[in-house]
């Protein structure tokens, strides 16, 4: 299920990530959702993994916070 806005993201993602990181997550998730349409039941899991990988390219976790690299 693609996300239309950052407000539609799962509560855990909204609570953890700053706005820019949420934007990255959403864009990467939506792109992966489209790209892996043929993966059936694993589609959503793959899209979440891709989205987190995209966030981790520009952010790192410092204590409880995600900060830009």
N, C-alpha and C. Protein backbone atom coordinates (compact mmCIF):
# COMPACT_ATOMS: atom_id res chain seq x y z
N UNK A 1 0.83 -1.18 0.00
CA UNK A 1 0.00 0.00 0.00
C UNK A 1 0.88 1.24 0.00
N UNK A 2 0.93 1.96 -1.08
CA UNK A 2 1.73 3.18 -1.13
C UNK A 2 1.18 4.24 -0.18
N UNK A 3 2.05 5.14 0.21
CA UNK A 3 1.68 6.19 1.15
C UNK A 3 1.53 7.51 0.40
N UNK A 4 0.37 8.16 0.52
CA UNK A 4 0.10 9.42 -0.18
C UNK A 4 0.85 10.58 0.46
N UNK A 5 0.93 10.59 1.79
CA UNK A 5 1.61 11.67 2.51
C UNK A 5 2.40 11.08 3.66
N UNK A 6 3.23 11.91 4.26
CA UNK A 6 4.00 11.45 5.42
C UNK A 6 3.08 11.10 6.59
N UNK A 7 1.92 11.71 6.64
CA UNK A 7 0.95 11.42 7.71
C UNK A 7 0.39 10.00 7.61
N UNK A 8 0.49 9.40 6.43
CA UNK A 8 -0.02 8.05 6.21
C UNK A 8 0.99 6.97 6.59
N UNK A 9 2.22 7.35 6.87
CA UNK A 9 3.25 6.38 7.24
C UNK A 9 2.90 5.68 8.54
N UNK A 10 3.45 4.51 8.78
CA UNK A 10 3.20 3.82 10.04
C UNK A 10 3.61 4.70 11.23
N UNK A 11 2.89 4.60 12.34
CA UNK A 11 3.20 5.43 13.51
C UNK A 11 4.66 5.31 13.96
N UNK A 12 5.23 4.13 13.88
CA UNK A 12 6.62 3.96 14.32
C UNK A 12 7.57 4.78 13.46
N UNK A 13 7.33 4.84 12.17
CA UNK A 13 8.18 5.62 11.26
C UNK A 13 7.99 7.11 11.54
N UNK A 14 6.75 7.54 11.69
CA UNK A 14 6.48 8.96 11.97
C UNK A 14 7.13 9.39 13.27
N UNK A 15 7.11 8.53 14.27
CA UNK A 15 7.65 8.90 15.59
C UNK A 15 9.17 8.92 15.59
N UNK A 16 9.80 8.08 14.78
CA UNK A 16 11.26 7.95 14.83
C UNK A 16 12.01 8.93 13.94
N UNK A 17 11.48 9.21 12.76
CA UNK A 17 12.25 9.93 11.75
C UNK A 17 11.89 11.41 11.66
N UNK A 18 12.89 12.27 11.42
CA UNK A 18 12.59 13.67 11.13
C UNK A 18 11.89 13.79 9.77
N UNK A 19 11.32 14.93 9.49
CA UNK A 19 10.50 15.12 8.29
C UNK A 19 11.24 14.72 7.01
N UNK A 20 12.44 15.20 6.81
CA UNK A 20 13.16 14.88 5.57
C UNK A 20 13.38 13.38 5.43
N UNK A 21 13.71 12.71 6.49
CA UNK A 21 13.90 11.26 6.46
C UNK A 21 12.58 10.55 6.17
N UNK A 22 11.48 11.08 6.69
CA UNK A 22 10.16 10.50 6.37
C UNK A 22 9.84 10.66 4.89
N UNK A 23 10.22 11.80 4.32
CA UNK A 23 10.00 12.03 2.89
C UNK A 23 10.80 11.02 2.06
N UNK A 24 12.04 10.78 2.46
CA UNK A 24 12.88 9.79 1.79
C UNK A 24 12.25 8.41 1.91
N UNK A 25 11.83 8.05 3.10
CA UNK A 25 11.21 6.75 3.35
C UNK A 25 9.99 6.57 2.45
N UNK A 26 9.13 7.56 2.42
CA UNK A 26 7.89 7.45 1.64
C UNK A 26 8.19 7.31 0.15
N UNK A 27 9.08 8.13 -0.36
CA UNK A 27 9.40 8.07 -1.79
C UNK A 27 10.03 6.72 -2.16
N UNK A 28 10.94 6.24 -1.33
CA UNK A 28 11.59 4.95 -1.61
C UNK A 28 10.59 3.81 -1.50
N UNK A 29 9.74 3.85 -0.48
CA UNK A 29 8.72 2.81 -0.31
C UNK A 29 7.81 2.76 -1.53
N UNK A 30 7.29 3.91 -1.93
CA UNK A 30 6.35 3.95 -3.05
C UNK A 30 7.00 3.46 -4.34
N UNK A 31 8.24 3.84 -4.55
CA UNK A 31 8.96 3.39 -5.74
C UNK A 31 9.16 1.87 -5.72
N UNK A 32 9.58 1.35 -4.58
CA UNK A 32 9.78 -0.10 -4.45
C UNK A 32 8.45 -0.85 -4.57
N UNK A 33 7.39 -0.26 -4.05
CA UNK A 33 6.07 -0.89 -4.14
C UNK A 33 5.71 -1.12 -5.61
N UNK A 34 5.99 -0.11 -6.43
CA UNK A 34 5.70 -0.25 -7.86
C UNK A 34 6.67 -1.22 -8.54
N UNK A 35 7.94 -1.11 -8.20
CA UNK A 35 8.96 -1.92 -8.85
C UNK A 35 8.81 -3.42 -8.56
N UNK A 36 8.39 -3.76 -7.34
CA UNK A 36 8.30 -5.16 -6.94
C UNK A 36 6.87 -5.68 -6.92
N UNK A 37 6.06 -5.19 -7.84
CA UNK A 37 4.65 -5.58 -7.90
C UNK A 37 4.47 -7.08 -8.13
N UNK A 38 5.46 -7.71 -8.73
CA UNK A 38 5.34 -9.13 -9.04
C UNK A 38 5.77 -10.05 -7.89
N UNK A 39 6.09 -9.49 -6.75
CA UNK A 39 6.60 -10.29 -5.62
C UNK A 39 5.53 -10.82 -4.69
N UNK A 40 4.28 -10.55 -4.97
CA UNK A 40 3.19 -11.12 -4.18
C UNK A 40 3.22 -10.68 -2.72
N UNK A 41 3.15 -11.67 -1.84
CA UNK A 41 3.03 -11.40 -0.40
C UNK A 41 4.25 -10.73 0.20
N UNK A 42 5.42 -10.85 -0.44
CA UNK A 42 6.64 -10.24 0.12
C UNK A 42 6.83 -8.80 -0.35
N UNK A 43 5.94 -8.32 -1.19
CA UNK A 43 6.06 -6.98 -1.76
C UNK A 43 6.20 -5.90 -0.69
N UNK A 44 5.34 -5.92 0.30
CA UNK A 44 5.38 -4.87 1.33
C UNK A 44 6.66 -4.95 2.15
N UNK A 45 7.08 -6.16 2.51
CA UNK A 45 8.31 -6.33 3.28
C UNK A 45 9.51 -5.79 2.49
N UNK A 46 9.56 -6.11 1.21
CA UNK A 46 10.66 -5.63 0.38
C UNK A 46 10.64 -4.11 0.31
N UNK A 47 9.48 -3.54 0.12
CA UNK A 47 9.36 -2.08 0.03
C UNK A 47 9.82 -1.41 1.32
N UNK A 48 9.50 -2.00 2.48
CA UNK A 48 9.96 -1.44 3.75
C UNK A 48 11.48 -1.53 3.87
N UNK A 49 12.05 -2.64 3.44
CA UNK A 49 13.51 -2.79 3.50
C UNK A 49 14.20 -1.77 2.60
N UNK A 50 13.67 -1.58 1.41
CA UNK A 50 14.23 -0.59 0.49
C UNK A 50 14.13 0.81 1.10
N UNK A 51 12.99 1.11 1.69
CA UNK A 51 12.79 2.44 2.28
C UNK A 51 13.77 2.70 3.42
N UNK A 52 13.96 1.72 4.30
CA UNK A 52 14.92 1.90 5.40
C UNK A 52 16.34 2.04 4.87
N UNK A 53 16.68 1.29 3.84
CA UNK A 53 18.02 1.39 3.25
C UNK A 53 18.24 2.79 2.67
N UNK A 54 17.21 3.35 2.07
CA UNK A 54 17.32 4.71 1.51
C UNK A 54 17.54 5.73 2.63
N UNK A 55 16.82 5.59 3.72
CA UNK A 55 16.99 6.50 4.86
C UNK A 55 18.41 6.39 5.41
N UNK A 56 18.91 5.16 5.52
CA UNK A 56 20.23 4.94 6.11
C UNK A 56 21.37 5.45 5.24
N UNK A 57 21.11 5.77 3.99
CA UNK A 57 22.14 6.38 3.14
C UNK A 57 22.42 7.82 3.54
N UNK A 58 21.41 8.48 4.12
CA UNK A 58 21.56 9.89 4.46
C UNK A 58 21.43 10.20 5.94
N UNK A 59 21.00 9.22 6.72
CA UNK A 59 20.81 9.41 8.16
C UNK A 59 21.44 8.26 8.92
N UNK A 60 21.79 8.53 10.15
CA UNK A 60 22.27 7.48 11.04
C UNK A 60 21.59 7.67 12.39
N UNK A 61 21.49 6.59 13.11
CA UNK A 61 20.86 6.65 14.42
C UNK A 61 21.91 7.01 15.45
N UNK A 62 21.62 8.05 16.20
CA UNK A 62 22.50 8.52 17.27
C UNK A 62 21.69 8.53 18.56
N UNK A 63 21.95 7.55 19.39
CA UNK A 63 21.11 7.39 20.58
C UNK A 63 19.71 6.99 20.12
N UNK A 64 18.73 7.79 20.46
CA UNK A 64 17.35 7.52 20.06
C UNK A 64 16.96 8.31 18.82
N UNK A 65 17.84 9.21 18.35
CA UNK A 65 17.50 10.11 17.26
C UNK A 65 18.16 9.70 15.95
N UNK A 66 17.50 10.01 14.86
CA UNK A 66 18.07 9.85 13.52
C UNK A 66 18.60 11.21 13.11
N UNK A 67 19.87 11.27 12.76
CA UNK A 67 20.52 12.55 12.41
C UNK A 67 21.15 12.43 11.02
N UNK A 68 21.23 13.56 10.31
CA UNK A 68 21.86 13.53 8.98
C UNK A 68 23.33 13.13 9.09
N UNK A 69 23.83 12.48 8.06
CA UNK A 69 25.24 12.11 8.02
C UNK A 69 26.11 13.33 7.77
